[in-house]
PDB file of N, CA and C in Angstrom:
ATOM      1  N   MET A   1     125.254 134.789 150.290  1.00  0.00           N
ATOM      2  CA  MET A   1     126.157 133.652 150.163  1.00  0.00           C
ATOM      3  C   MET A   1     125.406 132.543 149.422  1.00  0.00           C
ATOM      4  N   SER A   2     126.073 131.958 148.422  1.00  0.00           N
ATOM      5  CA  SER A   2     125.417 130.910 147.642  1.00  0.00           C
ATOM      6  C   SER A   2     125.317 129.621 148.459  1.00  0.00           C
ATOM      7  N   LYS A   3     124.396 128.781 148.046  1.00  0.00           N
ATOM      8  CA  LYS A   3     124.213 127.498 148.746  1.00  0.00           C
ATOM      9  C   LYS A   3     125.476 126.653 148.646  1.00  0.00           C
ATOM     10  N   THR A   4     126.178 126.729 147.515  1.00  0.00           N
ATOM     11  CA  THR A   4     127.416 125.963 147.342  1.00  0.00           C
ATOM     12  C   THR A   4     128.465 126.434 148.337  1.00  0.00           C
ATOM     13  N   THR A   5     128.611 127.742 148.470  1.00  0.00           N
ATOM     14  CA  THR A   5     129.584 128.299 149.421  1.00  0.00           C
ATOM     15  C   THR A   5     129.202 127.944 150.841  1.00  0.00           C
ATOM     16  N   GLN A   6     127.920 128.078 151.148  1.00  0.00           N
ATOM     17  CA  GLN A   6     127.434 127.743 152.491  1.00  0.00           C
ATOM     18  C   GLN A   6     127.689 126.273 152.793  1.00  0.00           C
ATOM     19  N   SER A   7     127.437 125.408 151.836  1.00  0.00           N
ATOM     20  CA  SER A   7     127.672 123.975 152.013  1.00  0.00           C
ATOM     21  C   SER A   7     129.157 123.691 152.221  1.00  0.00           C
ATOM     22  N   ALA A   8     129.985 124.341 151.418  1.00  0.00           N
ATOM     23  CA  ALA A   8     131.432 124.128 151.534  1.00  0.00           C
ATOM     24  C   ALA A   8     131.948 124.537 152.906  1.00  0.00           C
ATOM     25  N   LYS A   9     131.340 125.572 153.482  1.00  0.00           N
ATOM     26  CA  LYS A   9     131.789 126.041 154.790  1.00  0.00           C
ATOM     27  C   LYS A   9     131.209 125.204 155.928  1.00  0.00           C
ATOM     28  N   SER A  10     129.998 124.672 155.753  1.00  0.00           N
ATOM     29  CA  SER A  10     129.359 123.941 156.852  1.00  0.00           C
ATOM     30  C   SER A  10     129.744 122.466 156.898  1.00  0.00           C
ATOM     31  N   THR A  11     130.146 121.887 155.773  1.00  0.00           N
ATOM     32  CA  THR A  11     130.480 120.462 155.734  1.00  0.00           C
ATOM     33  C   THR A  11     131.587 120.077 156.712  1.00  0.00           C
ATOM     34  N   PRO A  12     132.711 120.794 156.739  1.00  0.00           N
ATOM     35  CA  PRO A  12     133.763 120.406 157.701  1.00  0.00           C
ATOM     36  C   PRO A  12     133.287 120.446 159.149  1.00  0.00           C
ATOM     37  N   PHE A  13     132.457 121.431 159.482  1.00  0.00           N
ATOM     38  CA  PHE A  13     131.959 121.527 160.851  1.00  0.00           C
ATOM     39  C   PHE A  13     131.012 120.374 161.170  1.00  0.00           C
ATOM     40  N   ALA A  14     130.176 120.009 160.211  1.00  0.00           N
ATOM     41  CA  ALA A  14     129.244 118.897 160.419  1.00  0.00           C
ATOM     42  C   ALA A  14     129.998 117.590 160.623  1.00  0.00           C
ATOM     43  N   VAL A  15     131.050 117.381 159.832  1.00  0.00           N
ATOM     44  CA  VAL A  15     131.858 116.162 159.978  1.00  0.00           C
ATOM     45  C   VAL A  15     132.523 116.143 161.345  1.00  0.00           C
ATOM     46  N   GLU A  16     133.075 117.264 161.759  1.00  0.00           N
ATOM     47  CA  GLU A  16     133.729 117.337 163.070  1.00  0.00           C
ATOM     48  C   GLU A  16     132.726 117.141 164.199  1.00  0.00           C
ATOM     49  N   ASP A  17     131.515 117.662 164.036  1.00  0.00           N
ATOM     50  CA  ASP A  17     130.476 117.496 165.054  1.00  0.00           C
ATOM     51  C   ASP A  17     130.012 116.046 165.157  1.00  0.00           C
ATOM     52  N   ALA A  18     130.067 115.308 164.047  1.00  0.00           N
ATOM     53  CA  ALA A  18     129.606 113.915 164.036  1.00  0.00           C
ATOM     54  C   ALA A  18     130.605 112.981 164.717  1.00  0.00           C
ATOM     55  N   LYS A  19     131.878 113.312 164.693  1.00  0.00           N
ATOM     56  CA  LYS A  19     132.896 112.419 165.249  1.00  0.00           C
ATOM     57  C   LYS A  19     132.666 112.067 166.717  1.00  0.00           C
ATOM     58  N   PRO A  20     132.453 113.032 167.612  1.00  0.00           N
ATOM     59  CA  PRO A  20     132.226 112.655 169.019  1.00  0.00           C
ATOM     60  C   PRO A  20     130.937 111.860 169.224  1.00  0.00           C
ATOM     61  N   ILE A  21     129.952 112.117 168.383  1.00  0.00           N
ATOM     62  CA  ILE A  21     128.704 111.349 168.483  1.00  0.00           C
ATOM     63  C   ILE A  21     128.978 109.886 168.163  1.00  0.00           C
ATOM     64  N   LEU A  22     129.737 109.651 167.102  1.00  0.00           N
ATOM     65  CA  LEU A  22     130.068 108.274 166.719  1.00  0.00           C
ATOM     66  C   LEU A  22     130.955 107.607 167.770  1.00  0.00           C
ATOM     67  N   GLU A  23     131.917 108.357 168.298  1.00  0.00           N
ATOM     68  CA  GLU A  23     132.795 107.802 169.339  1.00  0.00           C
ATOM     69  C   GLU A  23     131.990 107.419 170.576  1.00  0.00           C
ATOM     70  N   ASN A  24     131.041 108.267 170.956  1.00  0.00           N
ATOM     71  CA  ASN A  24     130.187 107.999 172.110  1.00  0.00           C
ATOM     72  C   ASN A  24     129.313 106.766 171.854  1.00  0.00           C
ATOM     73  N   LEU A  25     128.736 106.688 170.679  1.00  0.00           N
ATOM     74  CA  LEU A  25     127.912 105.542 170.314  1.00  0.00           C
ATOM     75  C   LEU A  25     128.719 104.245 170.393  1.00  0.00           C
ATOM     76  N   SER A  26     129.917 104.267 169.865  1.00  0.00           N
ATOM     77  CA  SER A  26     130.783 103.092 169.886  1.00  0.00           C
ATOM     78  C   SER A  26     131.158 102.696 171.313  1.00  0.00           C
ATOM     79  N   ALA A  27     131.555 103.673 172.114  1.00  0.00           N
ATOM     80  CA  ALA A  27     131.951 103.395 173.505  1.00  0.00           C
ATOM     81  C   ALA A  27     130.776 102.856 174.313  1.00  0.00           C
ATOM     82  N   ASN A  28     129.603 103.436 174.124  1.00  0.00           N
ATOM     83  CA  ASN A  28     128.420 102.959 174.858  1.00  0.00           C
ATOM     84  C   ASN A  28     128.037 101.543 174.435  1.00  0.00           C
ATOM     85  N   ALA A  29     128.138 101.245 173.151  1.00  0.00           N
ATOM     86  CA  ALA A  29     127.809  99.900 172.671  1.00  0.00           C
ATOM     87  C   ALA A  29     128.790  98.876 173.242  1.00  0.00           C
ATOM     88  N   GLU A  30     130.072  99.221 173.260  1.00  0.00           N
ATOM     89  CA  GLU A  30     131.073  98.308 173.825  1.00  0.00           C
ATOM     90  C   GLU A  30     130.807  98.061 175.306  1.00  0.00           C
ATOM     91  N   SER A  31     130.505  99.124 176.032  1.00  0.00           N
ATOM     92  CA  SER A  31     130.236  99.008 177.464  1.00  0.00           C
ATOM     93  C   SER A  31     128.999  98.143 177.728  1.00  0.00           C
ATOM     94  N   LEU A  32     127.950  98.381 176.971  1.00  0.00           N
ATOM     95  CA  LEU A  32     126.720  97.608 177.131  1.00  0.00           C
ATOM     96  C   LEU A  32     126.922  96.142 176.736  1.00  0.00           C
ATOM     97  N   HIS A  33     127.723  95.923 175.699  1.00  0.00           N
ATOM     98  CA  HIS A  33     128.022  94.550 175.268  1.00  0.00           C
ATOM     99  C   HIS A  33     128.743  93.796 176.381  1.00  0.00           C
ATOM    100  N   LYS A  34     129.720  94.436 176.999  1.00  0.00           N
ATOM    101  CA  LYS A  34     130.457  93.805 178.115  1.00  0.00           C
ATOM    102  C   LYS A  34     129.514  93.496 179.281  1.00  0.00           C
ATOM    103  N   LEU A  35     128.618  94.422 179.544  1.00  0.00           N
ATOM    104  CA  LEU A  35     127.665  94.222 180.632  1.00  0.00           C
ATOM    105  C   LEU A  35     126.766  93.008 180.358  1.00  0.00           C
ATOM    106  N   TRP A  36     126.253  92.909 179.143  1.00  0.00           N
ATOM    107  CA  TRP A  36     125.403  91.772 178.777  1.00  0.00           C
ATOM    108  C   TRP A  36     126.174  90.454 178.847  1.00  0.00           C
ATOM    109  N   LYS A  37     127.459  90.508 178.529  1.00  0.00           N
ATOM    110  CA  LYS A  37     128.282  89.292 178.573  1.00  0.00           C
ATOM    111  C   LYS A  37     128.511  88.813 180.009  1.00  0.00           C
ATOM    112  N   GLN A  38     128.226  89.645 180.990  1.00  0.00           N
ATOM    113  CA  GLN A  38     128.419  89.279 182.399  1.00  0.00           C
ATOM    114  C   GLN A  38     127.192  88.590 183.006  1.00  0.00           C
ATOM    115  N   ILE A  39     126.192  88.340 182.195  1.00  0.00           N
ATOM    116  CA  ILE A  39     124.997  87.658 182.709  1.00  0.00           C
ATOM    117  C   ILE A  39     125.416  86.273 183.229  1.00  0.00           C
ATOM    118  N   PRO A  40     124.977  85.913 184.423  1.00  0.00           N
ATOM    119  CA  PRO A  40     125.351  84.607 184.984  1.00  0.00           C
ATOM    120  C   PRO A  40     124.904  83.451 184.072  1.00  0.00           C
ATOM    121  N   GLU A  41     125.679  82.394 184.102  1.00  0.00           N
ATOM    122  CA  GLU A  41     125.439  81.234 183.233  1.00  0.00           C
ATOM    123  C   GLU A  41     124.042  80.632 183.433  1.00  0.00           C
ATOM    124  N   GLU A  42     123.589  80.570 184.682  1.00  0.00           N
ATOM    125  CA  GLU A  42     122.253  79.991 184.914  1.00  0.00           C
ATOM    126  C   GLU A  42     121.150  80.840 184.285  1.00  0.00           C
ATOM    127  N   THR A  43     121.358  82.142 184.228  1.00  0.00           N
ATOM    128  CA  THR A  43     120.385  83.017 183.561  1.00  0.00           C
ATOM    129  C   THR A  43     120.417  82.779 182.061  1.00  0.00           C
ATOM    130  N   VAL A  44     121.612  82.607 181.521  1.00  0.00           N
ATOM    131  CA  VAL A  44     121.754  82.323 180.091  1.00  0.00           C
ATOM    132  C   VAL A  44     121.058  81.009 179.751  1.00  0.00           C
ATOM    133  N   THR A  45     121.211  80.014 180.622  1.00  0.00           N
ATOM    134  CA  THR A  45     120.557  78.723 180.409  1.00  0.00           C
ATOM    135  C   THR A  45     119.039  78.882 180.437  1.00  0.00           C
ATOM    136  N   THR A  46     118.545  79.675 181.376  1.00  0.00           N
ATOM    137  CA  THR A  46     117.098  79.920 181.463  1.00  0.00           C
ATOM    138  C   THR A  46     116.615  80.644 180.205  1.00  0.00           C
ATOM    139  N   ILE A  47     117.375  81.624 179.771  1.00  0.00           N
ATOM    140  CA  ILE A  47     117.018  82.381 178.566  1.00  0.00           C
ATOM    141  C   ILE A  47     117.030  81.467 177.338  1.00  0.00           C
ATOM    142  N   ALA A  48     117.964  80.540 177.302  1.00  0.00           N
ATOM    143  CA  ALA A  48     118.063  79.625 176.159  1.00  0.00           C
ATOM    144  C   ALA A  48     116.794  78.794 176.007  1.00  0.00           C
ATOM    145  N   ASN A  49     116.097  78.564 177.116  1.00  0.00           N
ATOM    146  CA  ASN A  49     114.850  77.795 177.070  1.00  0.00           C
ATOM    147  C   ASN A  49     113.661  78.634 176.610  1.00  0.00           C
ATOM    148  N   GLU A  50     113.851  79.937 176.485  1.00  0.00           N
ATOM    149  CA  GLU A  50     112.797  80.844 176.014  1.00  0.00           C
ATOM    150  C   GLU A  50     113.216  81.368 174.634  1.00  0.00           C
ATOM    151  N   PRO A  51     112.709  80.776 173.552  1.00  0.00           N
ATOM    152  CA  PRO A  51     113.190  81.115 172.200  1.00  0.00           C
ATOM    153  C   PRO A  51     113.143  82.611 171.858  1.00  0.00           C
ATOM    154  N   VAL A  52     112.067  83.276 172.225  1.00  0.00           N
ATOM    155  CA  VAL A  52     111.947  84.697 171.871  1.00  0.00           C
ATOM    156  C   VAL A  52     112.990  85.516 172.620  1.00  0.00           C
ATOM    157  N   ILE A  53     113.124  85.282 173.922  1.00  0.00           N
ATOM    158  CA  ILE A  53     114.098  86.018 174.731  1.00  0.00           C
ATOM    159  C   ILE A  53     115.520  85.674 174.284  1.00  0.00           C
ATOM    160  N   HIS A  54     115.755  84.401 174.004  1.00  0.00           N
ATOM    161  CA  HIS A  54     117.074  83.970 173.550  1.00  0.00           C
ATOM    162  C   HIS A  54     117.446  84.662 172.235  1.00  0.00           C
ATOM    163  N   ARG A  55     116.499  84.694 171.295  1.00  0.00           N
ATOM    164  CA  ARG A  55     116.750  85.336 170.002  1.00  0.00           C
ATOM    165  C   ARG A  55     116.990  86.839 170.195  1.00  0.00           C
ATOM    166  N   ALA A  56     116.210  87.467 171.067  1.00  0.00           N
ATOM    167  CA  ALA A  56     116.382  88.901 171.343  1.00  0.00           C
ATOM    168  C   ALA A  56     117.757  89.174 171.957  1.00  0.00           C
ATOM    169  N   LEU A  57     118.173  88.326 172.891  1.00  0.00           N
ATOM    170  CA  LEU A  57     119.495  88.486 173.506  1.00  0.00           C
ATOM    171  C   LEU A  57     120.590  88.329 172.464  1.00  0.00           C
ATOM    172  N   LYS A  58     120.492  87.295 171.641  1.00  0.00           N
ATOM    173  CA  LYS A  58     121.513  87.060 170.611  1.00  0.00           C
ATOM    174  C   LYS A  58     121.576  88.230 169.630  1.00  0.00           C
ATOM    175  N   GLN A  59     120.420  88.715 169.177  1.00  0.00           N
ATOM    176  CA  GLN A  59     120.413  89.838 168.236  1.00  0.00           C
ATOM    177  C   GLN A  59     120.958  91.110 168.883  1.00  0.00           C
ATOM    178  N   THR A  60     120.640  91.310 170.152  1.00  0.00           N
ATOM    179  CA  THR A  60     121.152  92.481 170.871  1.00  0.00           C
ATOM    180  C   THR A  60     122.669  92.414 170.989  1.00  0.00           C
ATOM    181  N   LEU A  61     123.191  91.241 171.383  1.00  0.00           N
ATOM    182  CA  LEU A  61     124.646  91.074 171.506  1.00  0.00           C
ATOM    183  C   LEU A  61     125.335  91.236 170.155  1.00  0.00           C
ATOM    184  N   ASP A  62     124.741  90.669 169.117  1.00  0.00           N
ATOM    185  CA  ASP A  62     125.316  90.809 167.771  1.00  0.00           C
ATOM    186  C   ASP A  62     125.330  92.276 167.345  1.00  0.00           C
ATOM    187  N   PHE A  63     124.219  92.958 167.587  1.00  0.00           N
ATOM    188  CA  PHE A  63     124.128  94.384 167.234  1.00  0.00           C
ATOM    189  C   PHE A  63     125.181  95.198 167.983  1.00  0.00           C
ATOM    190  N   LEU A  64     125.254  95.007 169.290  1.00  0.00           N
ATOM    191  CA  LEU A  64     126.207  95.755 170.104  1.00  0.00           C
ATOM    192  C   LEU A  64     127.648  95.447 169.703  1.00  0.00           C
ATOM    193  N   ASN A  65     127.878  94.234 169.271  1.00  0.00           N
ATOM    194  CA  ASN A  65     129.209  93.841 168.824  1.00  0.00           C
ATOM    195  C   ASN A  65     129.588  94.510 167.498  1.00  0.00           C
ATOM    196  N   GLU A  66     128.581  94.765 166.644  1.00  0.00           N
ATOM    197  CA  GLU A  66     128.834  95.358 165.327  1.00  0.00           C
ATOM    198  C   GLU A  66     128.953  96.882 165.362  1.00  0.00           C
ATOM    199  N   VAL A  67     128.382  97.518 166.361  1.00  0.00           N
ATOM    200  CA  VAL A  67     128.343  98.983 166.399  1.00  0.00           C
ATOM    201  C   VAL A  67     129.736  99.616 166.285  1.00  0.00           C
ATOM    202  N   PRO A  68     130.751  99.178 167.033  1.00  0.00           N
ATOM    203  CA  PRO A  68     132.066  99.821 166.896  1.00  0.00           C
ATOM    204  C   PRO A  68     132.632  99.749 165.474  1.00  0.00           C
ATOM    205  N   ASP A  69     132.480  98.615 164.812  1.00  0.00           N
ATOM    206  CA  ASP A  69     132.972  98.508 163.432  1.00  0.00           C
ATOM    207  C   ASP A  69     132.186  99.424 162.496  1.00  0.00           C
ATOM    208  N   GLN A  70     130.881  99.493 162.718  1.00  0.00           N
ATOM    209  CA  GLN A  70     130.050 100.343 161.866  1.00  0.00           C
ATOM    210  C   GLN A  70     130.339 101.825 162.095  1.00  0.00           C
ATOM    211  N   THR A  71     130.576 102.208 163.341  1.00  0.00           N
ATOM    212  CA  THR A  71     130.896 103.616 163.598  1.00  0.00           C
ATOM    213  C   THR A  71     132.282 103.961 163.040  1.00  0.00           C
ATOM    214  N   ALA A  72     133.214 103.013 163.111  1.00  0.00           N
ATOM    215  CA  ALA A  72     134.541 103.241 162.522  1.00  0.00           C
ATOM    216  C   ALA A  72     134.425 103.411 161.005  1.00  0.00           C
ATOM    217  N   ALA A  73     133.598 102.574 160.373  1.00  0.00           N
ATOM    218  CA  ALA A  73     133.390 102.692 158.920  1.00  0.00           C
ATOM    219  C   ALA A  73     132.744 104.035 158.589  1.00  0.00           C
ATOM    220  N   THR A  74     131.802 104.467 159.419  1.00  0.00           N
ATOM    221  CA  THR A  74     131.148 105.756 159.199  1.00  0.00           C
ATOM    222  C   THR A  74     132.154 106.894 159.315  1.00  0.00           C
ATOM    223  N   GLN A  75     133.070 106.774 160.279  1.00  0.00           N
ATOM    224  CA  GLN A  75     134.134 107.791 160.429  1.00  0.00           C
ATOM    225  C   GLN A  75     134.966 107.870 159.153  1.00  0.00           C
ATOM    226  N   ILE A  76     135.285 106.717 158.584  1.00  0.00           N
ATOM    227  CA  ILE A  76     136.070 106.683 157.342  1.00  0.00           C
ATOM    228  C   ILE A  76     135.298 107.367 156.212  1.00  0.00           C
ATOM    229  N   TYR A  77     134.004 107.055 156.093  1.00  0.00           N
ATOM    230  CA  TYR A  77     133.184 107.680 155.053  1.00  0.00           C
ATOM    231  C   TYR A  77     133.106 109.191 155.246  1.00  0.00           C
ATOM    232  N   LEU A  78     132.969 109.634 156.487  1.00  0.00           N
ATOM    233  CA  LEU A  78     132.925 111.070 156.744  1.00  0.00           C
ATOM    234  C   LEU A  78     134.234 111.744 156.348  1.00  0.00           C
ATOM    235  N   THR A  79     135.344 111.068 156.604  1.00  0.00           N
ATOM    236  CA  THR A  79     136.646 111.605 156.202  1.00  0.00           C
ATOM    237  C   THR A  79     136.732 111.697 154.681  1.00  0.00           C
ATOM    238  N   GLU A  80     136.213 110.681 153.986  1.00  0.00           N
ATOM    239  CA  GLU A  80     136.201 110.705 152.522  1.00  0.00           C
ATOM    240  C   GLU A  80     135.307 111.826 152.001  1.00  0.00           C
ATOM    241  N   ILE A  81     134.165 112.040 152.657  1.00  0.00           N
ATOM    242  CA  ILE A  81     133.268 113.128 152.265  1.00  0.00           C
ATOM    243  C   ILE A  81     133.984 114.466 152.443  1.00  0.00           C
ATOM    244  N   LEU A  82     134.681 114.610 153.551  1.00  0.00           N
ATOM    245  CA  LEU A  82     135.407 115.844 153.818  1.00  0.00           C
ATOM    246  C   LEU A  82     136.496 116.068 152.777  1.00  0.00           C
ATOM    247  N   ALA A  83     137.220 115.021 152.427  1.00  0.00           N
ATOM    248  CA  ALA A  83     138.262 115.142 151.403  1.00  0.00           C
ATOM    249  C   ALA A  83     137.653 115.513 150.052  1.00  0.00           C
ATOM    250  N   ALA A  84     136.535 114.900 149.718  1.00  0.00           N
ATOM    251  CA  ALA A  84     135.857 115.212 148.454  1.00  0.00           C
ATOM    252  C   ALA A  84     135.367 116.660 148.460  1.00  0.00           C
ATOM    253  N   GLN A  85     134.848 117.100 149.597  1.00  0.00           N
ATOM    254  CA  GLN A  85     134.373 118.483 149.715  1.00  0.00           C
ATOM    255  C   GLN A  85     135.537 119.450 149.538  1.00  0.00           C
ATOM    256  N   ASN A  86     136.673 119.130 150.142  1.00  0.00           N
ATOM    257  CA  ASN A  86     137.852 119.979 150.005  1.00  0.00           C
ATOM    258  C   ASN A  86     138.305 120.029 148.554  1.00  0.00           C
ATOM    259  N   PHE A  87     138.291 118.876 147.875  1.00  0.00           N
ATOM    260  CA  PHE A  87     138.669 118.824 146.461  1.00  0.00           C
ATOM    261  C   PHE A  87     137.691 119.655 145.640  1.00  0.00           C
ATOM    262  N   HIS A  88     136.396 119.489 145.940  1.00  0.00           N
ATOM    263  CA  HIS A  88     135.365 120.246 145.232  1.00  0.00           C
ATOM    264  C   HIS A  88     135.567 121.747 145.447  1.00  0.00           C
ATOM    265  N   ASP A  89     135.891 122.128 146.665  1.00  0.00           N
ATOM    266  CA  ASP A  89     136.117 123.530 146.981  1.00  0.00           C
ATOM    267  C   ASP A  89     137.326 124.061 146.211  1.00  0.00           C
ATOM    268  N   LEU A  90     138.409 123.281 146.181  1.00  0.00           N
ATOM    269  CA  LEU A  90     139.601 123.702 145.438  1.00  0.00           C
ATOM    270  C   LEU A  90     139.310 123.804 143.945  1.00  0.00           C
ATOM    271  N   THR A  91     138.547 122.858 143.429  1.00  0.00           N
ATOM    272  CA  THR A  91     138.176 122.880 142.020  1.00  0.00           C
ATOM    273  C   THR A  91     137.343 124.126 141.734  1.00  0.00           C
ATOM    274  N   GLY A  92     136.405 124.429 142.611  1.00  0.00           N
ATOM    275  CA  GLY A  92     135.581 125.621 142.451  1.00  0.00           C
ATOM    276  C   GLY A  92     136.420 126.893 142.456  1.00  0.00           C
ATOM    277  N   GLN A  93     137.400 126.945 143.346  1.00  0.00           N
ATOM    278  CA  GLN A  93     138.290 128.108 143.396  1.00  0.00           C
ATOM    279  C   GLN A  93     139.090 128.227 142.102  1.00  0.00           C
ATOM    280  N   PHE A  94     139.543 127.089 141.594  1.00  0.00           N
ATOM    281  CA  PHE A  94     140.323 127.073 140.355  1.00  0.00           C
ATOM    282  C   PHE A  94     139.464 127.562 139.189  1.00  0.00           C
ATOM    283  N   VAL A  95     138.248 127.063 139.095  1.00  0.00           N
ATOM    284  CA  VAL A  95     137.338 127.475 138.029  1.00  0.00           C
ATOM    285  C   VAL A  95     137.025 128.962 138.154  1.00  0.00           C
ATOM    286  N   GLN A  96     136.824 129.429 139.377  1.00  0.00           N
ATOM    287  CA  GLN A  96     136.557 130.845 139.603  1.00  0.00           C
ATOM    288  C   GLN A  96     137.720 131.700 139.119  1.00  0.00           C
ATOM    289  N   ARG A  97     138.935 131.270 139.388  1.00  0.00           N
ATOM    290  CA  ARG A  97     140.116 132.026 138.945  1.00  0.00           C
ATOM    291  C   ARG A  97     140.214 132.027 137.420  1.00  0.00           C
ATOM    292  N   ILE A  98     139.903 130.901 136.810  1.00  0.00           N
ATOM    293  CA  ILE A  98     139.928 130.842 135.338  1.00  0.00           C
ATOM    294  C   ILE A  98     138.899 131.814 134.764  1.00  0.00           C
ATOM    295  N   LEU A  99     137.693 131.818 135.342  1.00  0.00           N
ATOM    296  CA  LEU A  99     136.649 132.733 134.861  1.00  0.00           C
ATOM    297  C   LEU A  99     137.069 134.190 135.058  1.00  0.00           C
ATOM    298  N   GLN A 100     137.692 134.499 136.176  1.00  0.00           N
ATOM    299  CA  GLN A 100     138.166 135.862 136.408  1.00  0.00           C
ATOM    300  C   GLN A 100     139.232 136.239 135.383  1.00  0.00           C
ATOM    301  N   THR A 101     140.120 135.302 135.068  1.00  0.00           N
ATOM    302  CA  THR A 101     141.160 135.553 134.068  1.00  0.00           C
ATOM    303  C   THR A 101     140.530 135.795 132.704  1.00  0.00           C
ATOM    304  N   ILE A 102     139.543 134.989 132.347  1.00  0.00           N
ATOM    305  CA  ILE A 102     138.858 135.158 131.063  1.00  0.00           C
ATOM    306  C   ILE A 102     138.161 136.516 131.009  1.00  0.00           C
ATOM    307  N   GLU A 103     137.508 136.894 132.102  1.00  0.00           N
ATOM    308  CA  GLU A 103     136.852 138.205 132.143  1.00  0.00           C
ATOM    309  C   GLU A 103     137.867 139.334 131.994  1.00  0.00           C
ATOM    310  N   THR A 104     139.016 139.200 132.638  1.00  0.00           N
ATOM    311  CA  THR A 104     140.067 140.208 132.522  1.00  0.00           C
ATOM    312  C   THR A 104     140.551 140.308 131.079  1.00  0.00           C
ATOM    313  N   ILE A 105     140.748 139.154 130.453  1.00  0.00           N
ATOM    314  CA  ILE A 105     141.189 139.133 129.050  1.00  0.00           C
ATOM    315  C   ILE A 105     140.127 139.765 128.153  1.00  0.00           C
ATOM    316  N   GLU A 106     138.854 139.429 128.409  1.00  0.00           N
ATOM    317  CA  GLU A 106     137.765 140.007 127.612  1.00  0.00           C
ATOM    318  C   GLU A 106     137.726 141.527 127.754  1.00  0.00           C
ATOM    319  N   ARG A 107     137.875 142.021 128.985  1.00  0.00           N
ATOM    320  CA  ARG A 107     137.885 143.467 129.200  1.00  0.00           C
ATOM    321  C   ARG A 107     139.062 144.103 128.471  1.00  0.00           C
ATOM    322  N   GLY A 108     140.213 143.450 128.551  1.00  0.00           N
ATOM    323  CA  GLY A 108     141.398 143.956 127.848  1.00  0.00           C
ATOM    324  C   GLY A 108     141.185 143.968 126.346  1.00  0.00           C
ATOM    325  N   ASN A 109     140.597 142.899 125.834  1.00  0.00           N
ATOM    326  CA  ASN A 109     140.324 142.837 124.396  1.00  0.00           C
ATOM    327  C   ASN A 109     139.320 143.911 123.989  1.00  0.00           C
ATOM    328  N   SER A 110     138.297 144.111 124.803  1.00  0.00           N
ATOM    329  CA  SER A 110     137.301 145.144 124.506  1.00  0.00           C
ATOM    330  C   SER A 110     137.956 146.514 124.475  1.00  0.00           C
ATOM    331  N   THR A 111     138.854 146.753 125.389  1.00  0.00           N
ATOM    332  CA  THR A 111     139.557 148.033 125.432  1.00  0.00           C
ATOM    333  C   THR A 111     140.403 148.209 124.175  1.00  0.00           C
ATOM    334  N   ILE A 112     141.120 147.171 123.810  1.00  0.00           N
ATOM    335  CA  ILE A 112     141.970 147.226 122.614  1.00  0.00           C
ATOM    336  C   ILE A 112     141.119 147.431 121.362  1.00  0.00           C
ATOM    337  N   VAL A 113     140.042 146.677 121.258  1.00  0.00           N
ATOM    338  CA  VAL A 113     139.155 146.805 120.095  1.00  0.00           C
ATOM    339  C   VAL A 113     138.533 148.198 120.066  1.00  0.00           C
ATOM    340  N   GLY A 114     138.133 148.692 121.228  1.00  0.00           N
ATOM    341  CA  GLY A 114     137.563 150.037 121.300  1.00  0.00           C
ATOM    342  C   GLY A 114     138.552 151.093 120.856  1.00  0.00           C
ATOM    343  N   ARG A 115     139.769 150.993 121.297  1.00  0.00           N
ATOM    344  CA  ARG A 115     140.801 151.952 120.894  1.00  0.00           C
ATOM    345  C   ARG A 115     141.082 151.839 119.403  1.00  0.00           C
ATOM    346  N   TYR A 116     141.175 150.626 118.934  1.00  0.00           N
ATOM    347  CA  TYR A 116     141.460 150.404 117.514  1.00  0.00           C
ATOM    348  C   TYR A 116     140.319 150.950 116.672  1.00  0.00           C
ATOM    349  N   SER A 117     139.079 150.686 117.098  1.00  0.00           N
ATOM    350  CA  SER A 117     137.910 151.188 116.370  1.00  0.00           C
ATOM    351  C   SER A 117     137.911 152.704 116.381  1.00  0.00           C
ATOM    352  N   GLY A 118     138.257 153.295 117.510  1.00  0.00           N
ATOM    353  CA  GLY A 118     138.324 154.753 117.609  1.00  0.00           C
ATOM    354  C   GLY A 118     139.392 155.314 116.699  1.00  0.00           C
ATOM    355  N   GLN A 119     140.521 154.657 116.632  1.00  0.00           N
ATOM    356  CA  GLN A 119     141.595 155.106 115.752  1.00  0.00           C
ATOM    357  C   GLN A 119     141.172 154.980 114.293  1.00  0.00           C
ATOM    358  N   GLN A 120     140.471 153.910 113.957  1.00  0.00           N
ATOM    359  CA  GLN A 120     140.002 153.709 112.598  1.00  0.00           C
ATOM    360  C   GLN A 120     139.022 154.807 112.218  1.00  0.00           C
ATOM    361  N   ARG A 121     138.102 155.165 113.106  1.00  0.00           N
ATOM    362  CA  ARG A 121     137.134 156.224 112.825  1.00  0.00           C
ATOM    363  C   ARG A 121     137.842 157.564 112.618  1.00  0.00           C
ATOM    364  N   ASN A 122     138.795 157.813 113.514  1.00  0.00           N
ATOM    365  CA  ASN A 122     139.528 159.086 113.414  1.00  0.00           C
ATOM    366  C   ASN A 122     140.290 159.154 112.111  1.00  0.00           C
ATOM    367  N   SER A 123     140.918 158.079 111.697  1.00  0.00           N
ATOM    368  CA  SER A 123     141.690 158.096 110.456  1.00  0.00           C
ATOM    369  C   SER A 123     140.775 158.190 109.250  1.00  0.00           C
ATOM    370  N   ASN A 124     139.573 157.615 109.333  1.00  0.00           N
ATOM    371  CA  ASN A 124     138.594 157.710 108.242  1.00  0.00           C
ATOM    372  C   ASN A 124     138.029 159.131 108.149  1.00  0.00           C
ATOM    373  N   GLN A 125     137.868 159.799 109.273  1.00  0.00           N
ATOM    374  CA  GLN A 125     137.315 161.140 109.271  1.00  0.00           C
ATOM    375  C   GLN A 125     138.334 162.152 108.733  1.00  0.00           C
ATOM    376  N   THR A 126     139.613 161.915 108.997  1.00  0.00           N
ATOM    377  CA  THR A 126     140.644 162.832 108.539  1.00  0.00           C
ATOM    378  C   THR A 126     140.909 162.680 107.053  1.00  0.00           C
ATOM    379  N   GLU A 127     140.531 161.614 106.460  1.00  0.00           N
ATOM    380  CA  GLU A 127     140.793 161.379 105.045  1.00  0.00           C
ATOM    381  C   GLU A 127     139.863 162.109 104.216  1.00  0.00           C
TER     382      GLU A 127
END
């Protein structure tokens, strides 16, 4: 099996396998974000007085907030990759059929030329 054929067959499975991973990542990020948002106000005030911890908390919350949008965008890209792969596969099949048709025509032409050449030889020999 050629690498192109193998790739065409494995791409849809890889895309399908990635979907639950992305969904899980998104759900876990949302859950963790909600949990962090439940920190008591006095703890938030204490953290605000510690610049490094405050910055880490803010970056963590921002990251967790962005994960669902990023995983959704990744899902869209995977769908586009799958569509492109399907188009590529169809194009490959079309090209393969054209090549098979050309080969059939070439074989037919060779047969016709061979018969014609044979007839020409026979007619030249009888003369």
